[in-house]
Every structure is written in C-alpha cells, then in structure tokens.
Amino acid sequence: MAAALHHRPRSRSPLQDEDLLSEVLLRLPPQPSSLPRASAVCKRWRRLVSDPGFLRRYRQHHRRSPPLLGFFRSDYPGISYTPAMEAPDRVPAGRFSLNLNDRYSILSCRHGLVLISHSLRNQVLVWDPVTGDQHRVAAPLGIDMATTLMDGQVLRAAADAQHFQVVLVNYKKKYARAIAAIYSSETGVWSNLIETPVPREAMEYESMPPVLVGDSLYILLPGDSTSVILEVDLDSQSLAVLGLPMDTFAKDQFLMAMRAEGGGLGVLSLTGFAAELWKRNKDCDGVASWVLGRTFEMDKLLPLNSEQIRHTPMVAYAEENNVAFLRTFDSIFMVQLESLQFSKLPENSNCDICYPLESVYASETSIGGGHDGADQNMLNQ
C-alpha cells in the first residue's frame, strides 16, 4: 500500500495577518500622500487605512513627529491657510477653511490645534483643522481678551491627545505685571490667576509665538531697551521672568525663543546678516547662564541680495520641525535650524506673524480638488 502523502500546510504571508499588516501600515511616514498611496494597492489595504480606529492610531503614533503642512495667519475678519509642502503632499488651502462671521484673530497653533480669539465675546475657539472639532471656552474673570497686550496658547495634554490646555496671559503695562490663567479641557475649569512683575520696557511690541520646552511655555517679550522671557510653568502653574544675554540688545535685531540643540531653551538672534543660536544652561548649583552656540551668515544661506537680507524679519517658529520662517519683501523662506537647509514657500505670501500647522493629515484616503479648486489627485501621483 502506498504510503500516504502528507502535505505541509502552506505558510501564510506575514502581510496576510491583518493585525500585523495594520502595524506595518501604522509605521508609514506621516506625509499626507502616504495613506492615499497605500489605499491604491488593493481593496483590503484601502479598507484598513480608511478605518476610523486605524486613523486615530496613525495620528497618535506620529504625534511627536508631525510634518509641517503650512501655516495660518489672521486676515481680518477671518483667518487664512497657506500650504508649505509640494505635491504630492500639498494639502490645498480649502481643506483647512473655517467660516467665521465675526472678528476673530489667531493666538497660536500647536499640536495640530488652532487657538482663535473672539475679543468681543471674551472667549476663545479651539479648532482642530484636520478633524473639524471645535470647542468654545469663555475667558475667566480677570483676563481681558480685548486688550492688545496679551498672549494665548493651546497645547495637547501630555498623556492624552484628546484633552488640551489653554493658556491666556494679560500684560498690565501700567502696573508692570503679567497675569495668566490655565484651562484644562479634562476638568473644564480655569486655574486661579497667577501673576509676576515684568519690566514695562519689555511690553513694547507684539511678541512672537512662544516655544514649548518640557512642561513650560517661554514667551519672549521684546522692547527697545529691555527684552525678557516669561516662563509659564504648566506643572506648578507659576510664572517667572528670565533675562537674556546683554549683548543681544541691538538695533534692528530680531529675537525668537526656540528649542536649543540637545534640548532646553534657546534663542535665535538675527541682526542684519548675522544669526546667532544661544542656549540657556544650568550648572551643578542650578545657576543659569546663556552660552553662544552656532553662528552663520544669512547672505551665504539664502538666495537673496544684501538689501533683502537686511530687511528679513522672523515671523514664526515651527518647534517640532525646528524650522524658522523668515519674511522678505514678497516671499517667506523656511530654514531648518539644524541642517540650515532652506526652502521657499510654493505660494507668494506675506505676513507679520504666522502660525505653523504641524499635524498628521490622515482624515481621508485621497486629497484632490478642495474648495480652492486645486486639481490634484494624490492616488495618481
């Protein structure tokens, strides 16, 4: 009798395991074109990357390394969005439009959230451009949204991407004080008002958006004779005023708080052609001091003539990508501060201050058309 034939079961491809395949797709680069390209492979892949649960995990996985999609700016009475990426990753401006009937202005943009002020109602709007979620929060007693001497910040809660915090700061120049309050969406309440003395001379101009380093926000307050940094410690809910290197007070100088190389607080100083990167260090006794790091010449970095560079203010800082935005007469350049590589925004634009959107755009499996009529189908790129 012939021996029975034993057939070895056919081995299963790892990508036939949907759990394993989801883990692989989860690690695709967070560029806007990644999921549309994956969805074009087959119906099975399209079903997986279109699942709302997968999209939430994908955004959460790349939360700390989001691409720089573009930037918002206030265009009274509303706001506008300018894309920063080239095709096939360019998200048309119409995808991030918001219909506002009253007078609104942007206060900040961080962690994919935009904080918008409505001064007449003394409230703020927290908007997620990717999901469309909106939350309106009334300002607490003691915070006046109508004053021009104020800052507002939004950020995701450290342990939960669903919750966020709002920080509002009033500057009382008459009394030389800063007053702040912190809101938590998890509790739905504001903290008690916190305040600290601030030099009157440091409240002369509108400040650049602050930088988040660790558990603190750092707001650079510029003045003609004195500039300081206001530290808002979110953990202890306290305020402190930090000094700057004395030799950074120069005429026609632009200063910007940033994340320093290797971590910690830094400052970028731009005077004419010369750019300096400073870092705040602490010694073993806890005494802080400023240390000058790298320096570079802007005229050797950007394709501009000397007259353009002498009038090139900084208008924004994208902290997750470590990118500074510099404005010329008719354009905006982005400079990556580690590699010093630069790029010019694909659209001509101009603004005094802009608010970079660093977020994972994964709400759809295709990007095309849009409200601005852009003719783009990312599945065909």
Protein backbone atom coordinates (compact mmCIF):
# COMPACT_ATOMS: atom_id res chain seq x y z
CA MET A 1 0.00 0.00 0.00
CA ALA A 2 1.41 3.29 -1.00
CA ALA A 3 2.47 5.50 1.80
CA ALA A 4 0.05 8.28 2.49
CA LEU A 5 1.14 11.62 1.19
CA HIS A 6 1.45 14.31 3.83
CA HIS A 7 1.00 17.85 2.56
CA ARG A 8 2.73 20.55 4.56
CA PRO A 9 0.30 23.39 5.15
CA ARG A 10 1.10 26.39 3.01
CA SER A 11 2.87 29.04 5.03
CA ARG A 12 0.95 32.25 5.44
CA SER A 13 2.46 35.55 4.33
CA PRO A 14 3.03 37.94 7.24
CA LEU A 15 1.06 40.61 5.38
CA GLN A 16 -1.97 38.28 5.28
CA ASP A 17 -2.26 38.79 9.01
CA GLU A 18 -4.43 41.91 9.28
CA ASP A 19 -3.16 42.76 12.76
CA LEU A 20 0.44 42.61 11.56
CA LEU A 21 -0.42 44.50 8.37
CA SER A 22 -2.04 47.27 10.41
CA GLU A 23 1.14 47.58 12.46
CA VAL A 24 3.18 47.86 9.25
CA LEU A 25 0.87 50.48 7.73
CA LEU A 26 0.87 52.36 11.03
CA ARG A 27 4.58 53.00 10.52
CA LEU A 28 4.25 54.57 7.09
CA PRO A 29 5.76 58.08 7.02
CA PRO A 30 3.31 60.74 8.30
CA GLN A 31 3.28 62.57 4.96
CA PRO A 32 -0.19 63.39 3.55
CA SER A 33 0.44 61.18 0.49
CA SER A 34 1.31 58.01 2.46
CA LEU A 35 -2.16 56.63 3.17
CA PRO A 36 -3.64 57.55 -0.24
CA ARG A 37 -0.78 55.64 -1.89
CA ALA A 38 -1.34 52.65 0.41
CA SER A 39 -5.08 52.66 -0.28
CA ALA A 40 -4.38 52.33 -4.00
CA VAL A 41 -2.60 48.97 -3.54
CA CYS A 42 -5.76 46.91 -3.11
CA LYS A 43 -9.25 46.97 -1.58
CA ARG A 44 -8.00 45.27 1.58
CA TRP A 45 -5.37 47.93 2.23
CA ARG A 46 -7.88 50.67 1.45
CA ARG A 47 -10.33 49.24 3.97
CA LEU A 48 -7.65 49.09 6.65
CA VAL A 49 -6.28 52.63 6.20
CA SER A 50 -9.82 54.06 5.95
CA ASP A 51 -10.90 52.62 9.28
CA PRO A 52 -11.51 55.44 11.85
CA GLY A 53 -9.78 53.43 14.56
CA PHE A 54 -6.67 53.00 12.41
CA LEU A 55 -6.65 56.73 11.55
CA ARG A 56 -6.75 57.64 15.26
CA ARG A 57 -3.85 55.27 15.97
CA TYR A 58 -1.91 56.61 12.98
CA ARG A 59 -2.24 60.22 14.15
CA GLN A 60 -1.34 59.24 17.71
CA HIS A 61 1.70 57.21 16.55
CA HIS A 62 3.15 60.18 14.65
CA ARG A 63 2.06 62.86 17.11
CA ARG A 64 5.64 63.68 18.12
CA SER A 65 6.99 63.77 14.56
CA PRO A 66 4.33 65.58 12.50
CA PRO A 67 5.09 67.11 9.11
CA LEU A 68 4.95 70.87 8.62
CA LEU A 69 1.84 71.21 6.46
CA GLY A 70 1.69 75.00 6.17
CA PHE A 71 0.72 77.99 8.25
CA PHE A 72 -2.26 80.11 9.30
CA ARG A 73 -2.44 83.87 9.60
CA SER A 74 -5.06 86.40 10.62
CA ASP A 75 -6.82 88.03 7.67
CA TYR A 76 -9.44 90.20 9.30
CA PRO A 77 -12.23 89.48 9.78
CA GLY A 78 -11.19 85.82 9.43
CA ILE A 79 -8.14 83.62 9.02
CA SER A 80 -6.40 82.01 6.04
CA TYR A 81 -4.16 79.00 5.43
CA THR A 82 -1.12 78.72 3.14
CA PRO A 83 0.28 75.27 2.18
CA ALA A 84 4.01 74.73 2.69
CA MET A 85 4.53 71.34 1.04
CA GLU A 86 4.93 70.46 -2.61
CA ALA A 87 2.86 67.87 -4.49
CA PRO A 88 2.01 65.11 -3.82
CA ASP A 89 1.91 66.17 -0.16
CA ARG A 90 0.46 69.63 -0.64
CA VAL A 91 -2.86 69.98 1.18
CA PRO A 92 -4.93 72.65 -0.62
CA ALA A 93 -5.87 75.72 1.38
CA GLY A 94 -9.56 74.94 1.07
CA ARG A 95 -9.16 71.80 3.19
CA PHE A 96 -8.47 73.94 6.25
CA SER A 97 -11.03 76.69 5.81
CA LEU A 98 -13.17 77.98 8.65
CA ASN A 99 -16.23 80.16 8.14
CA LEU A 100 -16.14 82.97 10.68
CA ASN A 101 -18.78 85.68 10.59
CA ASP A 102 -17.36 87.94 13.28
CA ARG A 103 -13.99 89.47 14.04
CA TYR A 104 -11.61 86.69 15.00
CA SER A 105 -7.82 86.52 15.23
CA ILE A 106 -5.32 83.68 15.73
CA LEU A 107 -3.47 83.44 19.02
CA SER A 108 -1.47 80.23 18.48
CA CYS A 109 -1.19 76.89 16.70
CA ARG A 110 0.39 73.85 18.32
CA HIS A 111 -0.05 70.06 18.37
CA GLY A 112 -2.45 70.35 15.41
CA LEU A 113 -4.79 72.73 17.26
CA VAL A 114 -5.50 76.38 16.45
CA LEU A 115 -6.43 78.86 19.19
CA ILE A 116 -8.63 81.69 17.91
CA SER A 117 -9.67 84.78 19.87
CA HIS A 118 -13.10 86.41 19.82
CA SER A 119 -12.41 89.56 21.79
CA LEU A 120 -15.98 90.94 21.68
CA ARG A 121 -17.31 87.81 23.38
CA ASN A 122 -14.23 87.44 25.60
CA GLN A 123 -13.82 83.81 24.57
CA VAL A 124 -11.51 81.56 22.58
CA LEU A 125 -12.18 78.91 19.98
CA VAL A 126 -10.03 75.76 19.94
CA TRP A 127 -10.16 74.26 16.43
CA ASP A 128 -8.69 71.04 15.04
CA PRO A 129 -8.39 71.71 11.27
CA VAL A 130 -7.88 68.02 10.43
CA THR A 131 -10.92 66.62 12.27
CA GLY A 132 -13.01 69.80 12.25
CA ASP A 133 -13.63 69.61 16.02
CA GLN A 134 -14.39 72.94 17.71
CA HIS A 135 -14.52 73.92 21.38
CA ARG A 136 -15.50 77.37 22.64
CA VAL A 137 -14.15 78.44 26.01
CA ALA A 138 -15.08 81.64 27.85
CA ALA A 139 -12.13 83.55 29.31
CA PRO A 140 -12.01 83.68 33.12
CA LEU A 141 -12.67 86.79 35.19
CA GLY A 142 -9.54 88.91 35.32
CA ILE A 143 -8.45 88.12 31.74
CA ASP A 144 -9.38 90.74 29.14
CA MET A 145 -9.39 89.40 25.58
CA ALA A 146 -9.97 92.88 24.11
CA THR A 147 -6.54 94.22 25.03
CA THR A 148 -3.71 94.05 22.51
CA LEU A 149 -1.24 93.28 25.31
CA MET A 150 -1.98 89.59 25.62
CA ASP A 151 -0.87 86.12 24.56
CA GLY A 152 -2.84 82.93 24.17
CA GLN A 153 -1.56 79.38 23.78
CA VAL A 154 -3.03 75.94 23.18
CA LEU A 155 -1.39 72.52 23.61
CA ARG A 156 -2.35 68.90 23.94
CA ALA A 157 -2.31 67.37 27.39
CA ALA A 158 0.91 65.38 27.80
CA ALA A 159 -0.67 61.99 28.50
CA ASP A 160 -3.89 62.25 26.49
CA ALA A 161 -4.14 63.60 22.95
CA GLN A 162 -7.89 64.03 23.36
CA HIS A 163 -7.52 66.68 26.06
CA PHE A 164 -5.94 70.10 25.69
CA GLN A 165 -4.87 73.10 27.73
CA VAL A 166 -5.31 76.81 27.02
CA VAL A 167 -3.04 79.48 28.50
CA LEU A 168 -4.09 83.15 28.43
CA VAL A 169 -1.73 85.93 29.54
CA ASN A 170 -2.56 89.62 30.03
CA TYR A 171 0.22 92.20 30.28
CA LYS A 172 -0.66 95.13 32.55
CA LYS A 173 1.86 97.75 31.47
CA LYS A 174 0.53 100.35 33.92
CA TYR A 175 1.24 98.01 36.83
CA ALA A 176 4.26 96.28 35.21
CA ARG A 177 2.76 92.84 35.73
CA ALA A 178 1.80 89.74 33.75
CA ILE A 179 -1.36 87.85 34.73
CA ALA A 180 -2.13 84.35 33.44
CA ALA A 181 -4.68 81.55 33.74
CA ILE A 182 -4.56 77.92 32.55
CA TYR A 183 -7.60 75.96 31.31
CA SER A 184 -7.91 72.16 31.18
CA SER A 185 -10.46 70.54 28.87
CA GLU A 186 -10.32 67.44 31.08
CA THR A 187 -11.70 69.29 34.11
CA GLY A 188 -13.47 72.08 32.21
CA VAL A 189 -12.24 74.75 34.65
CA TRP A 190 -9.64 77.53 34.77
CA SER A 191 -6.84 77.73 37.29
CA ASN A 192 -6.59 80.61 39.72
CA LEU A 193 -4.99 83.74 38.28
CA ILE A 194 -1.20 83.75 38.59
CA GLU A 195 0.97 86.85 38.17
CA THR A 196 4.52 88.17 38.30
CA PRO A 197 6.27 91.55 37.84
CA VAL A 198 7.51 92.26 34.28
CA PRO A 199 9.60 95.29 33.18
CA ARG A 200 7.43 97.88 31.43
CA GLU A 201 10.10 98.29 28.76
CA ALA A 202 9.58 94.65 27.72
CA MET A 203 5.94 95.23 26.70
CA GLU A 204 6.55 97.46 23.67
CA TYR A 205 5.75 95.15 20.75
CA GLU A 206 3.66 92.14 19.81
CA SER A 207 5.61 89.07 20.82
CA MET A 208 6.44 86.08 18.67
CA PRO A 209 4.51 82.88 19.47
CA PRO A 210 6.19 81.16 22.44
CA VAL A 211 8.00 77.86 22.43
CA LEU A 212 7.09 74.79 24.48
CA VAL A 213 10.09 73.18 26.17
CA GLY A 214 9.36 70.38 28.62
CA ASP A 215 6.47 71.45 30.85
CA SER A 216 6.97 75.18 30.31
CA LEU A 217 5.98 77.79 27.75
CA TYR A 218 8.55 80.51 27.06
CA ILE A 219 7.28 83.84 25.72
CA LEU A 220 9.88 86.34 24.50
CA LEU A 221 8.74 89.89 25.34
CA PRO A 222 10.63 92.38 23.16
CA GLY A 223 11.38 96.01 23.99
CA ASP A 224 13.65 98.78 22.74
CA SER A 225 15.90 98.78 25.79
CA THR A 226 14.94 95.60 27.63
CA SER A 227 13.78 92.18 26.45
CA VAL A 228 12.90 89.30 28.75
CA ILE A 229 11.41 85.83 28.55
CA LEU A 230 8.27 85.00 30.51
CA GLU A 231 8.24 81.38 31.67
CA VAL A 232 4.84 79.75 32.23
CA ASP A 233 5.39 76.55 34.19
CA LEU A 234 2.36 74.38 33.38
CA ASP A 235 3.15 71.80 36.05
CA SER A 236 3.50 74.14 39.02
CA GLN A 237 1.20 76.78 37.46
CA SER A 238 3.66 79.59 38.13
CA LEU A 239 5.29 82.48 36.26
CA ALA A 240 8.91 83.60 36.20
CA VAL A 241 10.90 86.21 34.26
CA LEU A 242 14.20 85.17 32.65
CA GLY A 243 16.90 87.54 31.43
CA LEU A 244 18.65 87.39 28.05
CA PRO A 245 22.32 87.78 27.11
CA MET A 246 23.07 91.51 27.49
CA ASP A 247 24.83 91.76 24.16
CA THR A 248 21.72 90.64 22.28
CA PHE A 249 20.08 94.08 22.63
CA ALA A 250 20.98 95.62 19.30
CA LYS A 251 19.27 97.95 16.88
CA ASP A 252 17.24 96.31 14.09
CA GLN A 253 17.60 92.94 15.78
CA PHE A 254 15.06 90.13 15.73
CA LEU A 255 14.87 87.63 18.58
CA MET A 256 12.96 84.37 18.77
CA ALA A 257 12.62 81.79 21.55
CA MET A 258 13.25 78.26 20.29
CA ARG A 259 14.27 74.76 21.34
CA ALA A 260 18.03 74.54 21.72
CA GLU A 261 20.15 71.81 20.20
CA GLY A 262 20.24 68.88 22.57
CA GLY A 263 17.15 70.11 24.42
CA GLY A 264 16.39 73.04 26.67
CA LEU A 265 15.59 76.67 25.95
CA GLY A 266 17.32 78.57 23.17
CA VAL A 267 17.17 81.96 21.47
CA LEU A 268 17.81 82.77 17.82
CA SER A 269 19.20 86.27 17.31
CA LEU A 270 19.20 87.80 13.82
CA THR A 271 20.92 91.14 13.20
CA GLY A 272 21.46 92.07 9.58
CA PHE A 273 23.39 89.18 8.07
CA ALA A 274 24.48 87.62 11.36
CA ALA A 275 22.48 84.85 13.02
CA GLU A 276 23.37 83.51 16.48
CA LEU A 277 21.99 80.49 18.31
CA TRP A 278 22.06 80.81 22.10
CA LYS A 279 21.33 78.13 24.71
CA ARG A 280 20.40 78.52 28.37
CA ASN A 281 22.40 76.15 30.57
CA LYS A 282 22.36 75.43 34.29
CA ASP A 283 25.45 74.45 36.26
CA CYS A 284 25.63 71.89 39.06
CA ASP A 285 24.43 74.53 41.55
CA GLY A 286 21.38 75.36 39.45
CA VAL A 287 22.74 78.74 38.32
CA ALA A 288 21.57 79.54 34.78
CA SER A 289 23.61 81.29 32.10
CA TRP A 290 23.46 81.83 28.35
CA VAL A 291 26.01 80.14 26.09
CA LEU A 292 26.60 81.11 22.47
CA GLY A 293 26.43 78.14 20.13
CA ARG A 294 26.48 78.15 16.35
CA THR A 295 26.62 81.28 14.23
CA PHE A 296 26.01 81.65 10.50
CA GLU A 297 25.63 84.35 7.85
CA MET A 298 22.25 84.73 6.20
CA ASP A 299 23.68 86.16 2.97
CA LYS A 300 25.53 82.88 2.44
CA LEU A 301 22.42 80.81 3.16
CA LEU A 302 19.50 82.35 1.26
CA PRO A 303 19.45 83.30 -2.44
CA LEU A 304 18.84 86.98 -1.67
CA ASN A 305 20.72 90.19 -2.23
CA SER A 306 22.14 92.17 0.69
CA GLU A 307 19.32 94.72 0.69
CA GLN A 308 16.67 92.00 1.03
CA ILE A 309 18.52 90.26 3.86
CA ARG A 310 18.86 93.47 5.87
CA HIS A 311 15.07 93.53 5.99
CA THR A 312 14.34 89.89 6.72
CA PRO A 313 12.42 89.60 10.00
CA MET A 314 11.50 86.29 11.60
CA VAL A 315 7.76 85.68 11.56
CA ALA A 316 7.33 82.17 13.03
CA TYR A 317 8.96 79.10 14.50
CA ALA A 318 7.78 75.51 13.96
CA GLU A 319 9.06 73.83 17.11
CA GLU A 320 8.52 70.14 16.21
CA ASN A 321 10.43 70.55 12.93
CA ASN A 322 12.87 73.20 14.27
CA VAL A 323 12.12 75.50 11.34
CA ALA A 324 12.30 79.30 11.37
CA PHE A 325 10.15 81.34 8.98
CA LEU A 326 11.82 84.45 7.51
CA ARG A 327 9.96 87.14 5.57
CA THR A 328 11.32 89.07 2.60
CA PHE A 329 9.55 91.74 0.59
CA ASP A 330 7.29 89.30 -1.25
CA SER A 331 8.11 85.80 -0.01
CA ILE A 332 8.56 83.61 3.03
CA PHE A 333 11.53 81.25 3.44
CA MET A 334 11.74 78.31 5.82
CA VAL A 335 15.14 77.50 7.34
CA GLN A 336 15.75 74.19 9.14
CA LEU A 337 17.99 75.28 12.01
CA GLU A 338 19.93 72.02 12.36
CA SER A 339 20.78 71.36 8.73
CA LEU A 340 20.47 75.04 7.68
CA GLN A 341 18.65 73.86 4.58
CA PHE A 342 16.15 76.37 3.27
CA SER A 343 13.08 76.29 1.06
CA LYS A 344 10.78 78.94 -0.30
CA LEU A 345 7.05 78.59 0.18
CA PRO A 346 5.42 77.46 -3.07
CA GLU A 347 2.96 80.36 -2.89
CA ASN A 348 3.90 84.02 -2.63
CA SER A 349 2.78 85.26 0.75
CA ASN A 350 3.49 87.92 3.30
CA CYS A 351 2.61 88.46 6.94
CA ASP A 352 3.98 89.94 10.15
CA ILE A 353 3.41 86.80 12.23
CA CYS A 354 2.29 83.38 11.02
CA TYR A 355 1.30 80.23 12.86
CA PRO A 356 2.76 76.94 11.52
CA LEU A 357 0.48 73.89 11.37
CA GLU A 358 2.42 70.76 12.34
CA SER A 359 -0.05 67.90 12.15
CA VAL A 360 -0.72 64.46 10.69
CA TYR A 361 -3.26 64.83 7.89
CA ALA A 362 -4.91 61.43 7.64
CA SER A 363 -8.62 62.12 7.61
CA GLU A 364 -9.08 60.97 4.01
CA THR A 365 -7.62 58.42 1.62
CA SER A 366 -7.34 60.98 -1.18
CA ILE A 367 -6.60 64.65 -1.49
CA GLY A 368 -7.81 66.47 -4.54
CA GLY A 369 -9.98 69.32 -5.72
CA GLY A 370 -10.60 71.08 -2.43
CA HIS A 371 -12.53 74.27 -2.00
CA ASP A 372 -9.82 76.26 -3.72
CA GLY A 373 -10.23 74.27 -6.92
CA ALA A 374 -6.75 72.76 -6.90
CA ASP A 375 -6.54 69.92 -9.40
CA GLN A 376 -4.74 67.20 -7.50
CA ASN A 377 -5.47 63.52 -7.03
CA MET A 378 -2.83 62.05 -4.79
CA LEU A 379 -3.70 58.50 -5.81
CA ASN A 380 -2.42 59.27 -9.29
CA GLN A 381 0.86 60.93 -8.23
